[in-house]
Amino acid sequence: MPRLVAATLILIYSIMLAIDDYNQFYVRYNKQLVRFANAYLHDEHQAEDCAIEALMKLWERRCD
């Protein structure tokens, strides 16, 4: 049982680090992407949706 607890704690810690890394990535690029998308779409809500989608896709592909 202690191995399972240790493995679970390591997994939780890894997830927390990944979330923190994504948050930093999001904060760094979100506003720029929203402005860029809004210049073409002329719709703030759609621009925000596009920026979030783009950030998620970039994040998912970061290790490829």
C-alpha atoms as a PDB file:
ATOM      1  CA  MET A   1       0.000   0.000   0.000  1.00  0.00           C
ATOM      2  CA  PRO A   2       2.774   2.583   0.671  1.00  0.00           C
ATOM      3  CA  ARG A   3       3.959   2.224  -2.946  1.00  0.00           C
ATOM      4  CA  LEU A   4       0.481   3.026  -4.205  1.00  0.00           C
ATOM      5  CA  VAL A   5       0.323   6.102  -1.987  1.00  0.00           C
ATOM      6  CA  ALA A   6       3.758   7.246  -3.147  1.00  0.00           C
ATOM      7  CA  ALA A   7       2.855   6.676  -6.793  1.00  0.00           C
ATOM      8  CA  THR A   8      -0.406   8.568  -6.323  1.00  0.00           C
ATOM      9  CA  LEU A   9       1.378  11.498  -4.689  1.00  0.00           C
ATOM     10  CA  ILE A  10       3.927  11.616  -7.510  1.00  0.00           C
ATOM     11  CA  LEU A  11       1.112  11.616 -10.073  1.00  0.00           C
ATOM     12  CA  ILE A  12      -0.740  14.402  -8.266  1.00  0.00           C
ATOM     13  CA  TYR A  13       2.435  16.466  -8.014  1.00  0.00           C
ATOM     14  CA  SER A  14       3.144  15.960 -11.737  1.00  0.00           C
ATOM     15  CA  ILE A  15      -0.370  17.072 -12.623  1.00  0.00           C
ATOM     16  CA  MET A  16      -0.034  20.146 -10.420  1.00  0.00           C
ATOM     17  CA  LEU A  17       3.235  21.071 -12.150  1.00  0.00           C
ATOM     18  CA  ALA A  18       1.638  20.619 -15.567  1.00  0.00           C
ATOM     19  CA  ILE A  19      -1.304  22.813 -14.568  1.00  0.00           C
ATOM     20  CA  ASP A  20       1.063  25.493 -13.292  1.00  0.00           C
ATOM     21  CA  ASP A  21       3.088  25.318 -16.520  1.00  0.00           C
ATOM     22  CA  TYR A  22      -0.087  25.631 -18.613  1.00  0.00           C
ATOM     23  CA  ASN A  23      -1.269  28.589 -16.537  1.00  0.00           C
ATOM     24  CA  GLN A  24       2.011  30.398 -17.155  1.00  0.00           C
ATOM     25  CA  PHE A  25       1.764  29.595 -20.876  1.00  0.00           C
ATOM     26  CA  TYR A  26      -1.853  30.838 -20.940  1.00  0.00           C
ATOM     27  CA  VAL A  27      -1.077  34.081 -19.118  1.00  0.00           C
ATOM     28  CA  ARG A  28       1.876  34.775 -21.389  1.00  0.00           C
ATOM     29  CA  TYR A  29       0.086  34.347 -24.742  1.00  0.00           C
ATOM     30  CA  ASN A  30      -3.686  34.611 -24.286  1.00  0.00           C
ATOM     31  CA  LYS A  31      -4.105  38.390 -24.586  1.00  0.00           C
ATOM     32  CA  GLN A  32      -1.936  38.541 -27.703  1.00  0.00           C
ATOM     33  CA  LEU A  33      -3.862  35.731 -29.374  1.00  0.00           C
ATOM     34  CA  VAL A  34      -7.233  37.254 -28.489  1.00  0.00           C
ATOM     35  CA  ARG A  35      -6.166  40.587 -30.014  1.00  0.00           C
ATOM     36  CA  PHE A  36      -4.867  38.860 -33.130  1.00  0.00           C
ATOM     37  CA  ALA A  37      -8.037  36.791 -33.591  1.00  0.00           C
ATOM     38  CA  ASN A  38     -10.282  39.769 -32.875  1.00  0.00           C
ATOM     39  CA  ALA A  39      -8.564  41.760 -35.626  1.00  0.00           C
ATOM     40  CA  TYR A  40      -9.921  39.209 -38.106  1.00  0.00           C
ATOM     41  CA  LEU A  41     -13.172  38.150 -36.467  1.00  0.00           C
ATOM     42  CA  HIS A  42     -14.366  41.482 -35.023  1.00  0.00           C
ATOM     43  CA  ASP A  43     -16.086  39.506 -32.258  1.00  0.00           C
ATOM     44  CA  GLU A  44     -14.490  39.407 -28.800  1.00  0.00           C
ATOM     45  CA  HIS A  45     -16.223  36.197 -27.685  1.00  0.00           C
ATOM     46  CA  GLN A  46     -15.268  34.284 -30.813  1.00  0.00           C
ATOM     47  CA  ALA A  47     -11.737  35.646 -30.561  1.00  0.00           C
ATOM     48  CA  GLU A  48     -11.471  34.378 -26.973  1.00  0.00           C
ATOM     49  CA  ASP A  49     -12.766  30.956 -28.012  1.00  0.00           C
ATOM     50  CA  CYS A  50     -10.269  30.770 -30.883  1.00  0.00           C
ATOM     51  CA  ALA A  51      -7.402  31.816 -28.628  1.00  0.00           C
ATOM     52  CA  ILE A  52      -8.257  29.158 -26.046  1.00  0.00           C
ATOM     53  CA  GLU A  53      -8.546  26.496 -28.739  1.00  0.00           C
ATOM     54  CA  ALA A  54      -5.214  27.517 -30.243  1.00  0.00           C
ATOM     55  CA  LEU A  55      -3.488  27.515 -26.850  1.00  0.00           C
ATOM     56  CA  MET A  56      -4.864  24.076 -26.014  1.00  0.00           C
ATOM     57  CA  LYS A  57      -3.747  22.638 -29.352  1.00  0.00           C
ATOM     58  CA  LEU A  58      -0.287  24.162 -28.984  1.00  0.00           C
ATOM     59  CA  TRP A  59      -0.044  22.826 -25.439  1.00  0.00           C
ATOM     60  CA  GLU A  60      -1.101  19.331 -26.487  1.00  0.00           C
ATOM     61  CA  ARG A  61       1.484  19.305 -29.308  1.00  0.00           C
ATOM     62  CA  ARG A  62       4.364  20.828 -27.312  1.00  0.00           C
ATOM     63  CA  CYS A  63       6.151  17.474 -26.935  1.00  0.00           C
ATOM     64  CA  ASP A  64       5.742  16.306 -30.555  1.00  0.00           C
END
